[in-house]
Amino acid sequence: MKSLLFVLGILAGTAVLGTSAQAQNYPWCAIYSAFGARNCGFATFEQCQENLRGIGGVCNPNAMYEPPPGPHPHIRKSHTNS
């Protein structure tokens, strides 16, 4: 009985480890001053700032952020004729 439970435990552990986990892919990271830890799970700068309120830290752009594939809105710059 113990052998069967051991084998089932190994199989379950292998199945869990075999699944790929998606990393958080958000553009803003909170760096906590008290811990030195980093949380890159914020879609906006404001979300990041709100998370740090009262505990201290800074919000920085996530250098590892990759926007999702597909068309992205372009910011149009006005051109002046000289």
N, C-alpha and C. Protein backbone atom coordinates (compact mmCIF):
# COMPACT_ATOMS: atom_id res chain seq x y z
N MET A 1 0.83 -1.20 0.00
CA MET A 1 0.00 0.00 0.00
C MET A 1 0.87 1.26 0.00
N LYS A 2 1.95 1.25 0.81
CA LYS A 2 2.83 2.42 0.84
C LYS A 2 3.51 2.62 -0.51
N SER A 3 3.86 1.53 -1.17
CA SER A 3 4.50 1.64 -2.49
C SER A 3 3.55 2.26 -3.50
N LEU A 4 2.31 1.86 -3.46
CA LEU A 4 1.32 2.40 -4.38
C LEU A 4 1.14 3.90 -4.16
N LEU A 5 1.02 4.32 -2.91
CA LEU A 5 0.88 5.75 -2.60
C LEU A 5 2.13 6.53 -3.03
N PHE A 6 3.29 5.93 -2.84
CA PHE A 6 4.54 6.57 -3.24
C PHE A 6 4.56 6.79 -4.75
N VAL A 7 4.21 5.75 -5.51
CA VAL A 7 4.20 5.84 -6.97
C VAL A 7 3.17 6.87 -7.43
N LEU A 8 1.99 6.86 -6.84
CA LEU A 8 0.97 7.85 -7.20
C LEU A 8 1.43 9.27 -6.89
N GLY A 9 2.12 9.43 -5.77
CA GLY A 9 2.66 10.74 -5.41
C GLY A 9 3.70 11.22 -6.42
N ILE A 10 4.56 10.33 -6.85
CA ILE A 10 5.57 10.67 -7.86
C ILE A 10 4.90 11.04 -9.18
N LEU A 11 3.91 10.28 -9.60
CA LEU A 11 3.20 10.57 -10.84
C LEU A 11 2.48 11.92 -10.77
N ALA A 12 1.84 12.20 -9.66
CA ALA A 12 1.15 13.48 -9.51
C ALA A 12 2.15 14.64 -9.52
N GLY A 13 3.27 14.47 -8.83
CA GLY A 13 4.29 15.52 -8.81
C GLY A 13 4.88 15.77 -10.19
N THR A 14 5.10 14.70 -10.95
CA THR A 14 5.62 14.84 -12.30
C THR A 14 4.62 15.56 -13.19
N ALA A 15 3.35 15.26 -13.04
CA ALA A 15 2.32 15.91 -13.85
C ALA A 15 2.27 17.40 -13.55
N VAL A 16 2.38 17.76 -12.29
CA VAL A 16 2.32 19.18 -11.91
C VAL A 16 3.55 19.91 -12.42
N LEU A 17 4.71 19.32 -12.26
CA LEU A 17 5.94 19.97 -12.71
C LEU A 17 6.05 20.01 -14.22
N GLY A 18 5.38 19.11 -14.90
CA GLY A 18 5.44 19.07 -16.35
C GLY A 18 4.61 20.15 -17.02
N THR A 19 3.69 20.75 -16.31
CA THR A 19 2.88 21.81 -16.91
C THR A 19 3.66 23.10 -16.90
N SER A 20 3.57 23.85 -17.98
CA SER A 20 4.30 25.11 -18.05
C SER A 20 3.47 26.22 -17.41
N ALA A 21 4.12 27.02 -16.62
CA ALA A 21 3.45 28.15 -15.98
C ALA A 21 3.79 29.41 -16.74
N GLN A 22 2.79 30.24 -16.96
CA GLN A 22 3.01 31.51 -17.62
C GLN A 22 3.54 32.53 -16.61
N ALA A 23 4.61 33.19 -16.96
CA ALA A 23 5.13 34.25 -16.11
C ALA A 23 4.23 35.46 -16.24
N GLN A 24 4.21 36.26 -15.20
CA GLN A 24 3.42 37.49 -15.28
C GLN A 24 4.08 38.41 -16.29
N ASN A 25 3.31 38.90 -17.21
CA ASN A 25 3.82 39.76 -18.26
C ASN A 25 3.06 41.08 -18.21
N TYR A 26 3.49 41.94 -17.30
CA TYR A 26 2.87 43.25 -17.15
C TYR A 26 3.94 44.32 -17.25
N PRO A 27 3.56 45.52 -17.67
CA PRO A 27 4.57 46.55 -17.94
C PRO A 27 5.18 47.24 -16.72
N TRP A 28 4.61 47.08 -15.51
CA TRP A 28 5.13 47.80 -14.35
C TRP A 28 5.51 46.88 -13.20
N CYS A 29 6.63 47.20 -12.55
CA CYS A 29 7.13 46.43 -11.41
C CYS A 29 7.19 47.32 -10.17
N ALA A 30 6.75 46.76 -9.05
CA ALA A 30 6.92 47.43 -7.75
C ALA A 30 8.15 46.83 -7.09
N ILE A 31 9.03 47.69 -6.61
CA ILE A 31 10.21 47.24 -5.88
C ILE A 31 10.03 47.75 -4.45
N TYR A 32 9.88 46.81 -3.53
CA TYR A 32 9.56 47.13 -2.15
C TYR A 32 10.83 47.48 -1.38
N SER A 33 10.83 48.67 -0.76
CA SER A 33 12.04 49.13 -0.07
C SER A 33 12.33 48.31 1.18
N ALA A 34 11.32 47.84 1.88
CA ALA A 34 11.55 47.10 3.12
C ALA A 34 12.11 45.71 2.86
N PHE A 35 11.75 45.10 1.74
CA PHE A 35 12.13 43.71 1.48
C PHE A 35 13.16 43.57 0.37
N GLY A 36 13.19 44.54 -0.54
CA GLY A 36 14.03 44.41 -1.73
C GLY A 36 13.41 43.48 -2.75
N ALA A 37 12.18 43.07 -2.51
CA ALA A 37 11.49 42.16 -3.42
C ALA A 37 10.90 42.94 -4.59
N ARG A 38 10.56 42.21 -5.65
CA ARG A 38 10.02 42.82 -6.87
C ARG A 38 8.73 42.08 -7.24
N ASN A 39 7.72 42.87 -7.65
CA ASN A 39 6.46 42.31 -8.12
C ASN A 39 6.13 42.98 -9.44
N CYS A 40 6.22 42.25 -10.53
CA CYS A 40 5.95 42.81 -11.86
C CYS A 40 4.56 42.42 -12.34
N GLY A 41 3.56 42.64 -11.52
CA GLY A 41 2.21 42.24 -11.86
C GLY A 41 1.25 43.41 -12.00
N PHE A 42 1.71 44.53 -12.53
CA PHE A 42 0.85 45.71 -12.61
C PHE A 42 0.70 46.20 -14.04
N ALA A 43 -0.54 46.40 -14.45
CA ALA A 43 -0.84 46.84 -15.80
C ALA A 43 -0.63 48.34 -15.97
N THR A 44 -0.79 49.10 -14.89
CA THR A 44 -0.63 50.56 -14.98
C THR A 44 0.29 51.06 -13.88
N PHE A 45 0.87 52.21 -14.12
CA PHE A 45 1.72 52.86 -13.12
C PHE A 45 0.91 53.17 -11.86
N GLU A 46 -0.35 53.57 -12.05
CA GLU A 46 -1.21 53.91 -10.92
C GLU A 46 -1.47 52.69 -10.03
N GLN A 47 -1.70 51.52 -10.62
CA GLN A 47 -1.88 50.30 -9.84
C GLN A 47 -0.63 50.01 -9.01
N CYS A 48 0.51 50.17 -9.61
CA CYS A 48 1.77 49.93 -8.92
C CYS A 48 1.93 50.89 -7.74
N GLN A 49 1.67 52.17 -7.97
CA GLN A 49 1.78 53.19 -6.91
C GLN A 49 0.82 52.89 -5.76
N GLU A 50 -0.40 52.50 -6.09
CA GLU A 50 -1.39 52.20 -5.06
C GLU A 50 -0.94 51.02 -4.20
N ASN A 51 -0.33 50.05 -4.83
CA ASN A 51 0.17 48.89 -4.09
C ASN A 51 1.26 49.27 -3.09
N LEU A 52 2.07 50.26 -3.42
CA LEU A 52 3.17 50.68 -2.55
C LEU A 52 2.75 51.68 -1.47
N ARG A 53 1.54 52.18 -1.57
CA ARG A 53 1.08 53.21 -0.62
C ARG A 53 1.17 52.70 0.81
N GLY A 54 1.90 53.43 1.62
CA GLY A 54 2.02 53.12 3.03
C GLY A 54 3.14 52.16 3.39
N ILE A 55 3.72 51.48 2.39
CA ILE A 55 4.81 50.55 2.72
C ILE A 55 6.14 50.97 2.10
N GLY A 56 6.09 51.88 1.15
CA GLY A 56 7.31 52.39 0.54
C GLY A 56 7.81 51.52 -0.60
N GLY A 57 8.57 52.14 -1.46
CA GLY A 57 9.12 51.46 -2.62
C GLY A 57 9.00 52.34 -3.85
N VAL A 58 9.38 51.79 -4.98
CA VAL A 58 9.32 52.53 -6.23
C VAL A 58 8.69 51.66 -7.31
N CYS A 59 8.15 52.31 -8.33
CA CYS A 59 7.61 51.63 -9.50
C CYS A 59 8.54 51.88 -10.68
N ASN A 60 8.92 50.81 -11.33
CA ASN A 60 9.79 50.90 -12.51
C ASN A 60 9.16 50.14 -13.66
N PRO A 61 9.48 50.55 -14.90
CA PRO A 61 9.02 49.77 -16.04
C PRO A 61 9.63 48.36 -15.98
N ASN A 62 8.88 47.38 -16.41
CA ASN A 62 9.34 46.00 -16.46
C ASN A 62 10.19 45.81 -17.71
N ALA A 63 11.49 45.60 -17.53
CA ALA A 63 12.40 45.44 -18.65
C ALA A 63 12.12 44.16 -19.44
N MET A 64 11.44 43.20 -18.82
CA MET A 64 11.15 41.93 -19.47
C MET A 64 9.76 41.90 -20.13
N TYR A 65 9.04 43.01 -20.08
CA TYR A 65 7.68 43.06 -20.61
C TYR A 65 7.68 42.90 -22.12
N GLU A 66 6.81 42.03 -22.61
CA GLU A 66 6.60 41.86 -24.04
C GLU A 66 5.12 42.05 -24.32
N PRO A 67 4.75 43.06 -25.09
CA PRO A 67 3.34 43.27 -25.39
C PRO A 67 2.77 42.06 -26.12
N PRO A 68 1.47 41.80 -25.96
CA PRO A 68 0.86 40.68 -26.68
C PRO A 68 0.94 40.90 -28.18
N PRO A 69 0.95 39.82 -28.96
CA PRO A 69 1.01 39.98 -30.41
C PRO A 69 -0.26 40.63 -30.94
N GLY A 70 -0.11 41.26 -32.07
CA GLY A 70 -1.26 41.88 -32.71
C GLY A 70 -1.05 43.37 -32.90
N PRO A 71 -2.01 44.00 -33.53
CA PRO A 71 -1.87 45.45 -33.78
C PRO A 71 -1.94 46.23 -32.47
N HIS A 72 -1.16 47.26 -32.40
CA HIS A 72 -1.14 48.14 -31.24
C HIS A 72 -1.48 49.55 -31.69
N PRO A 73 -2.19 50.29 -30.86
CA PRO A 73 -2.52 51.67 -31.25
C PRO A 73 -1.25 52.50 -31.35
N HIS A 74 -1.20 53.33 -32.35
CA HIS A 74 -0.05 54.20 -32.55
C HIS A 74 -0.38 55.59 -32.04
N ILE A 75 0.60 56.23 -31.46
CA ILE A 75 0.44 57.61 -31.01
C ILE A 75 0.84 58.49 -32.18
N ARG A 76 -0.09 59.30 -32.62
CA ARG A 76 0.19 60.18 -33.74
C ARG A 76 0.81 61.47 -33.26
N LYS A 77 1.89 61.80 -33.87
CA LYS A 77 2.53 63.09 -33.59
C LYS A 77 2.08 64.07 -34.65
N SER A 78 1.77 65.27 -34.20
CA SER A 78 1.36 66.27 -35.19
C SER A 78 2.60 66.80 -35.89
N HIS A 79 2.51 66.89 -37.19
CA HIS A 79 3.63 67.41 -38.00
C HIS A 79 3.32 68.84 -38.36
N THR A 80 4.31 69.68 -38.18
CA THR A 80 4.14 71.08 -38.56
C THR A 80 4.87 71.31 -39.86
N ASN A 81 4.26 72.04 -40.73
CA ASN A 81 4.90 72.38 -42.01
C ASN A 81 5.75 73.61 -41.82
N SER A 82 7.01 73.52 -42.26
CA SER A 82 7.92 74.66 -42.13
C SER A 82 7.91 75.48 -43.37
